């Protein structure tokens, strides 16, 4: 497996975790404010994961 594939796989795992946390927070949310907070945290998590994935891919040395 290439380094690029490993980075992509790591990103996939993070997104799964972020989604699971979002799902759980959404199920437990009792108010619109709690739902909005869960959505904001999800969006922030996905955005940050993308940034880290892209930066990691850019930093990989040539094979």
PDB file of N, CA and C in Angstrom:
ATOM      1  N   UNK A   1       0.848  -1.172   0.000  1.00  0.00           N
ATOM      2  CA  UNK A   1       0.000   0.000   0.000  1.00  0.00           C
ATOM      3  C   UNK A   1       0.896   1.239   0.000  1.00  0.00           C
ATOM      4  N   UNK A   2       0.551   2.195  -0.817  1.00  0.00           N
ATOM      5  CA  UNK A   2       1.367   3.403  -0.924  1.00  0.00           C
ATOM      6  C   UNK A   2       1.083   4.361   0.237  1.00  0.00           C
ATOM      7  N   UNK A   3       2.002   5.289   0.429  1.00  0.00           N
ATOM      8  CA  UNK A   3       1.816   6.304   1.466  1.00  0.00           C
ATOM      9  C   UNK A   3       0.539   7.107   1.209  1.00  0.00           C
ATOM     10  N   UNK A   4       0.294   7.428  -0.045  1.00  0.00           N
ATOM     11  CA  UNK A   4      -0.909   8.189  -0.417  1.00  0.00           C
ATOM     12  C   UNK A   4      -2.171   7.416  -0.029  1.00  0.00           C
ATOM     13  N   UNK A   5      -2.168   6.126  -0.265  1.00  0.00           N
ATOM     14  CA  UNK A   5      -3.314   5.296   0.101  1.00  0.00           C
ATOM     15  C   UNK A   5      -3.490   5.245   1.617  1.00  0.00           C
ATOM     16  N   UNK A   6      -2.387   5.201   2.342  1.00  0.00           N
ATOM     17  CA  UNK A   6      -2.459   5.189   3.803  1.00  0.00           C
ATOM     18  C   UNK A   6      -3.038   6.496   4.343  1.00  0.00           C
ATOM     19  N   UNK A   7      -2.653   7.607   3.750  1.00  0.00           N
ATOM     20  CA  UNK A   7      -3.216   8.901   4.148  1.00  0.00           C
ATOM     21  C   UNK A   7      -4.718   8.911   3.862  1.00  0.00           C
ATOM     22  N   UNK A   8      -5.110   8.434   2.695  1.00  0.00           N
ATOM     23  CA  UNK A   8      -6.530   8.386   2.337  1.00  0.00           C
ATOM     24  C   UNK A   8      -7.304   7.479   3.292  1.00  0.00           C
ATOM     25  N   UNK A   9      -6.709   6.366   3.663  1.00  0.00           N
ATOM     26  CA  UNK A   9      -7.355   5.441   4.593  1.00  0.00           C
ATOM     27  C   UNK A   9      -7.499   6.076   5.980  1.00  0.00           C
ATOM     28  N   UNK A  10      -6.479   6.793   6.407  1.00  0.00           N
ATOM     29  CA  UNK A  10      -6.555   7.497   7.689  1.00  0.00           C
ATOM     30  C   UNK A  10      -7.665   8.536   7.686  1.00  0.00           C
ATOM     31  N   UNK A  11      -7.779   9.270   6.588  1.00  0.00           N
ATOM     32  CA  UNK A  11      -8.852  10.263   6.444  1.00  0.00           C
ATOM     33  C   UNK A  11     -10.216   9.582   6.518  1.00  0.00           C
ATOM     34  N   UNK A  12     -10.353   8.471   5.842  1.00  0.00           N
ATOM     35  CA  UNK A  12     -11.620   7.732   5.848  1.00  0.00           C
ATOM     36  C   UNK A  12     -12.013   7.340   7.272  1.00  0.00           C
ATOM     37  N   UNK A  13     -11.048   6.875   8.040  1.00  0.00           N
ATOM     38  CA  UNK A  13     -11.333   6.478   9.422  1.00  0.00           C
ATOM     39  C   UNK A  13     -11.752   7.683  10.270  1.00  0.00           C
ATOM     40  N   UNK A  14     -11.092   8.803  10.072  1.00  0.00           N
ATOM     41  CA  UNK A  14     -11.446  10.013  10.823  1.00  0.00           C
ATOM     42  C   UNK A  14     -12.862  10.453  10.477  1.00  0.00           C
ATOM     43  N   UNK A  15     -13.203  10.451   9.202  1.00  0.00           N
ATOM     44  CA  UNK A  15     -14.547  10.859   8.784  1.00  0.00           C
ATOM     45  C   UNK A  15     -15.592   9.923   9.379  1.00  0.00           C
ATOM     46  N   UNK A  16     -15.307   8.645   9.426  1.00  0.00           N
ATOM     47  CA  UNK A  16     -16.242   7.703  10.052  1.00  0.00           C
ATOM     48  C   UNK A  16     -16.450   8.046  11.523  1.00  0.00           C
ATOM     49  N   UNK A  17     -15.372   8.381  12.210  1.00  0.00           N
ATOM     50  CA  UNK A  17     -15.464   8.741  13.627  1.00  0.00           C
ATOM     51  C   UNK A  17     -16.250  10.035  13.807  1.00  0.00           C
ATOM     52  N   UNK A  18     -15.958  11.030  12.989  1.00  0.00           N
ATOM     53  CA  UNK A  18     -16.663  12.310  13.078  1.00  0.00           C
ATOM     54  C   UNK A  18     -18.153  12.104  12.797  1.00  0.00           C
ATOM     55  N   UNK A  19     -18.473  11.284  11.812  1.00  0.00           N
ATOM     56  CA  UNK A  19     -19.878  11.012  11.509  1.00  0.00           C
ATOM     57  C   UNK A  19     -20.568  10.304  12.670  1.00  0.00           C
ATOM     58  N   UNK A  20     -19.903   9.318  13.248  1.00  0.00           N
ATOM     59  CA  UNK A  20     -20.486   8.589  14.380  1.00  0.00           C
ATOM     60  C   UNK A  20     -20.768   9.536  15.538  1.00  0.00           C
ATOM     61  N   UNK A  21     -19.834  10.416  15.823  1.00  0.00           N
ATOM     62  CA  UNK A  21     -20.035  11.383  16.901  1.00  0.00           C
ATOM     63  C   UNK A  21     -21.184  12.335  16.573  1.00  0.00           C
ATOM     64  N   UNK A  22     -21.269  12.754  15.323  1.00  0.00           N
ATOM     65  CA  UNK A  22     -22.365  13.630  14.897  1.00  0.00           C
ATOM     66  C   UNK A  22     -23.706  12.920  15.033  1.00  0.00           C
ATOM     67  N   UNK A  23     -23.751  11.691  14.613  1.00  0.00           N
ATOM     68  CA  UNK A  23     -24.986  10.914  14.723  1.00  0.00           C
ATOM     69  C   UNK A  23     -25.420  10.811  16.184  1.00  0.00           C
ATOM     70  N   UNK A  24     -24.500  10.452  17.049  1.00  0.00           N
ATOM     71  CA  UNK A  24     -24.822  10.305  18.470  1.00  0.00           C
ATOM     72  C   UNK A  24     -25.277  11.632  19.075  1.00  0.00           C
ATOM     73  N   UNK A  25     -24.589  12.706  18.753  1.00  0.00           N
ATOM     74  CA  UNK A  25     -24.970  14.019  19.277  1.00  0.00           C
ATOM     75  C   UNK A  25     -26.334  14.442  18.743  1.00  0.00           C
ATOM     76  N   UNK A  26     -26.621  14.119  17.488  1.00  0.00           N
ATOM     77  CA  UNK A  26     -27.914  14.465  16.899  1.00  0.00           C
ATOM     78  C   UNK A  26     -29.048  13.696  17.561  1.00  0.00           C
ATOM     79  N   UNK A  27     -28.814  12.435  17.833  1.00  0.00           N
ATOM     80  CA  UNK A  27     -29.829  11.610  18.489  1.00  0.00           C
ATOM     81  C   UNK A  27     -30.106  12.128  19.902  1.00  0.00           C
ATOM     82  N   UNK A  28     -29.060  12.536  20.599  1.00  0.00           N
ATOM     83  CA  UNK A  28     -29.204  12.974  21.988  1.00  0.00           C
ATOM     84  C   UNK A  28     -29.634  14.434  22.133  1.00  0.00           C
ATOM     85  N   UNK A  29     -29.539  15.203  21.044  1.00  0.00           N
ATOM     86  CA  UNK A  29     -29.876  16.629  21.107  1.00  0.00           C
ATOM     87  C   UNK A  29     -31.354  16.803  21.444  1.00  0.00           C
ATOM     88  N   UNK A  30     -31.604  17.658  22.413  1.00  0.00           N
ATOM     89  CA  UNK A  30     -32.986  17.894  22.844  1.00  0.00           C
ATOM     90  C   UNK A  30     -33.512  19.248  22.390  1.00  0.00           C
ATOM     91  N   UNK A  31     -32.616  20.130  22.040  1.00  0.00           N
ATOM     92  CA  UNK A  31     -33.035  21.469  21.624  1.00  0.00           C
ATOM     93  C   UNK A  31     -32.448  21.784  20.257  1.00  0.00           C
ATOM     94  N   UNK A  32     -32.998  22.803  19.628  1.00  0.00           N
ATOM     95  CA  UNK A  32     -32.458  23.219  18.331  1.00  0.00           C
ATOM     96  C   UNK A  32     -31.035  23.743  18.490  1.00  0.00           C
ATOM     97  N   UNK A  33     -30.730  24.315  19.648  1.00  0.00           N
ATOM     98  CA  UNK A  33     -29.372  24.810  19.897  1.00  0.00           C
ATOM     99  C   UNK A  33     -28.382  23.653  19.971  1.00  0.00           C
ATOM    100  N   UNK A  34     -28.775  22.567  20.621  1.00  0.00           N
ATOM    101  CA  UNK A  34     -27.901  21.394  20.703  1.00  0.00           C
ATOM    102  C   UNK A  34     -27.710  20.766  19.326  1.00  0.00           C
ATOM    103  N   UNK A  35     -28.767  20.732  18.523  1.00  0.00           N
ATOM    104  CA  UNK A  35     -28.650  20.199  17.160  1.00  0.00           C
ATOM    105  C   UNK A  35     -27.730  21.077  16.322  1.00  0.00           C
ATOM    106  N   UNK A  36     -27.887  22.395  16.445  1.00  0.00           N
ATOM    107  CA  UNK A  36     -27.035  23.322  15.697  1.00  0.00           C
ATOM    108  C   UNK A  36     -25.579  23.180  16.123  1.00  0.00           C
ATOM    109  N   UNK A  37     -25.341  22.992  17.419  1.00  0.00           N
ATOM    110  CA  UNK A  37     -23.968  22.810  17.913  1.00  0.00           C
ATOM    111  C   UNK A  37     -23.364  21.529  17.346  1.00  0.00           C
ATOM    112  N   UNK A  38     -24.152  20.448  17.316  1.00  0.00           N
ATOM    113  CA  UNK A  38     -23.673  19.184  16.746  1.00  0.00           C
ATOM    114  C   UNK A  38     -23.317  19.363  15.273  1.00  0.00           C
ATOM    115  N   UNK A  39     -24.144  20.101  14.545  1.00  0.00           N
ATOM    116  CA  UNK A  39     -23.876  20.347  13.126  1.00  0.00           C
ATOM    117  C   UNK A  39     -22.607  21.167  12.936  1.00  0.00           C
ATOM    118  N   UNK A  40     -22.427  22.176  13.779  1.00  0.00           N
ATOM    119  CA  UNK A  40     -21.239  23.028  13.674  1.00  0.00           C
ATOM    120  C   UNK A  40     -19.979  22.224  13.972  1.00  0.00           C
ATOM    121  N   UNK A  41     -20.029  21.389  14.987  1.00  0.00           N
ATOM    122  CA  UNK A  41     -18.874  20.554  15.333  1.00  0.00           C
ATOM    123  C   UNK A  41     -18.574  19.580  14.198  1.00  0.00           C
ATOM    124  N   UNK A  42     -19.603  19.008  13.594  1.00  0.00           N
ATOM    125  CA  UNK A  42     -19.414  18.095  12.466  1.00  0.00           C
ATOM    126  C   UNK A  42     -18.730  18.814  11.300  1.00  0.00           C
ATOM    127  N   UNK A  43     -19.243  19.980  10.945  1.00  0.00           N
ATOM    128  CA  UNK A  43     -18.657  20.728   9.831  1.00  0.00           C
ATOM    129  C   UNK A  43     -17.203  21.091  10.108  1.00  0.00           C
ATOM    130  N   UNK A  44     -16.922  21.532  11.319  1.00  0.00           N
ATOM    131  CA  UNK A  44     -15.553  21.875  11.691  1.00  0.00           C
ATOM    132  C   UNK A  44     -14.650  20.650  11.618  1.00  0.00           C
ATOM    133  N   UNK A  45     -15.137  19.523  12.117  1.00  0.00           N
ATOM    134  CA  UNK A  45     -14.350  18.289  12.092  1.00  0.00           C
ATOM    135  C   UNK A  45     -14.022  17.834  10.686  1.00  0.00           C
ATOM    136  N   UNK A  46     -15.022  17.884   9.803  1.00  0.00           N
ATOM    137  CA  UNK A  46     -14.794  17.465   8.416  1.00  0.00           C
ATOM    138  C   UNK A  46     -13.826  18.422   7.725  1.00  0.00           C
ATOM    139  N   UNK A  47     -14.026  19.709   7.927  1.00  0.00           N
ATOM    140  CA  UNK A  47     -13.136  20.698   7.311  1.00  0.00           C
ATOM    141  C   UNK A  47     -11.695  20.503   7.771  1.00  0.00           C
ATOM    142  N   UNK A  48     -11.505  20.323   9.067  1.00  0.00           N
ATOM    143  CA  UNK A  48     -10.159  20.137   9.602  1.00  0.00           C
ATOM    144  C   UNK A  48      -9.541  18.840   9.086  1.00  0.00           C
ATOM    145  N   UNK A  49     -10.331  17.769   9.043  1.00  0.00           N
ATOM    146  CA  UNK A  49      -9.823  16.488   8.534  1.00  0.00           C
ATOM    147  C   UNK A  49      -9.379  16.626   7.080  1.00  0.00           C
ATOM    148  N   UNK A  50     -10.145  17.348   6.282  1.00  0.00           N
ATOM    149  CA  UNK A  50      -9.759  17.569   4.877  1.00  0.00           C
ATOM    150  C   UNK A  50      -8.447  18.337   4.787  1.00  0.00           C
ATOM    151  N   UNK A  51      -8.322  19.380   5.605  1.00  0.00           N
ATOM    152  CA  UNK A  51      -7.100  20.190   5.577  1.00  0.00           C
ATOM    153  C   UNK A  51      -5.881  19.356   5.956  1.00  0.00           C
ATOM    154  N   UNK A  52      -6.021  18.553   6.985  1.00  0.00           N
ATOM    155  CA  UNK A  52      -4.906  17.712   7.424  1.00  0.00           C
ATOM    156  C   UNK A  52      -4.578  16.671   6.365  1.00  0.00           C
ATOM    157  N   UNK A  53      -5.602  16.042   5.786  1.00  0.00           N
ATOM    158  CA  UNK A  53      -5.379  15.053   4.722  1.00  0.00           C
ATOM    159  C   UNK A  53      -4.620  15.680   3.558  1.00  0.00           C
ATOM    160  N   UNK A  54      -5.085  16.843   3.119  1.00  0.00           N
ATOM    161  CA  UNK A  54      -4.452  17.502   1.977  1.00  0.00           C
ATOM    162  C   UNK A  54      -3.016  17.910   2.291  1.00  0.00           C
ATOM    163  N   UNK A  55      -2.793  18.400   3.507  1.00  0.00           N
ATOM    164  CA  UNK A  55      -1.434  18.806   3.888  1.00  0.00           C
ATOM    165  C   UNK A  55      -0.521  17.597   3.993  1.00  0.00           C
ATOM    166  N   UNK A  56      -1.027  16.525   4.586  1.00  0.00           N
ATOM    167  CA  UNK A  56      -0.222  15.303   4.705  1.00  0.00           C
ATOM    168  C   UNK A  56       0.144  14.769   3.324  1.00  0.00           C
ATOM    169  N   UNK A  57      -0.815  14.763   2.414  1.00  0.00           N
ATOM    170  CA  UNK A  57      -0.545  14.277   1.057  1.00  0.00           C
ATOM    171  C   UNK A  57       0.507  15.151   0.373  1.00  0.00           C
ATOM    172  N   UNK A  58       0.425  16.457   0.599  1.00  0.00           N
ATOM    173  CA  UNK A  58       1.391  17.372  -0.014  1.00  0.00           C
ATOM    174  C   UNK A  58       2.792  17.203   0.572  1.00  0.00           C
ATOM    175  N   UNK A  59       2.872  16.765   1.813  1.00  0.00           N
ATOM    176  CA  UNK A  59       4.170  16.621   2.476  1.00  0.00           C
ATOM    177  C   UNK A  59       4.849  15.284   2.223  1.00  0.00           C
ATOM    178  N   UNK A  60       4.142  14.353   1.621  1.00  0.00           N
ATOM    179  CA  UNK A  60       4.749  13.046   1.370  1.00  0.00           C
ATOM    180  C   UNK A  60       5.946  13.195   0.433  1.00  0.00           C
ATOM    181  N   UNK A  61       7.064  12.614   0.806  1.00  0.00           N
ATOM    182  CA  UNK A  61       8.224  12.674  -0.086  1.00  0.00           C
ATOM    183  C   UNK A  61       7.991  11.770  -1.294  1.00  0.00           C
ATOM    184  N   UNK A  62       8.700  12.032  -2.371  1.00  0.00           N
ATOM    185  CA  UNK A  62       8.563  11.167  -3.545  1.00  0.00           C
ATOM    186  C   UNK A  62       8.931   9.725  -3.192  1.00  0.00           C
ATOM    187  N   UNK A  63       8.225   8.811  -3.799  1.00  0.00           N
ATOM    188  CA  UNK A  63       8.484   7.378  -3.536  1.00  0.00           C
ATOM    189  C   UNK A  63       9.749   6.932  -4.223  1.00  0.00           C
TER     190      UNK A  63
END
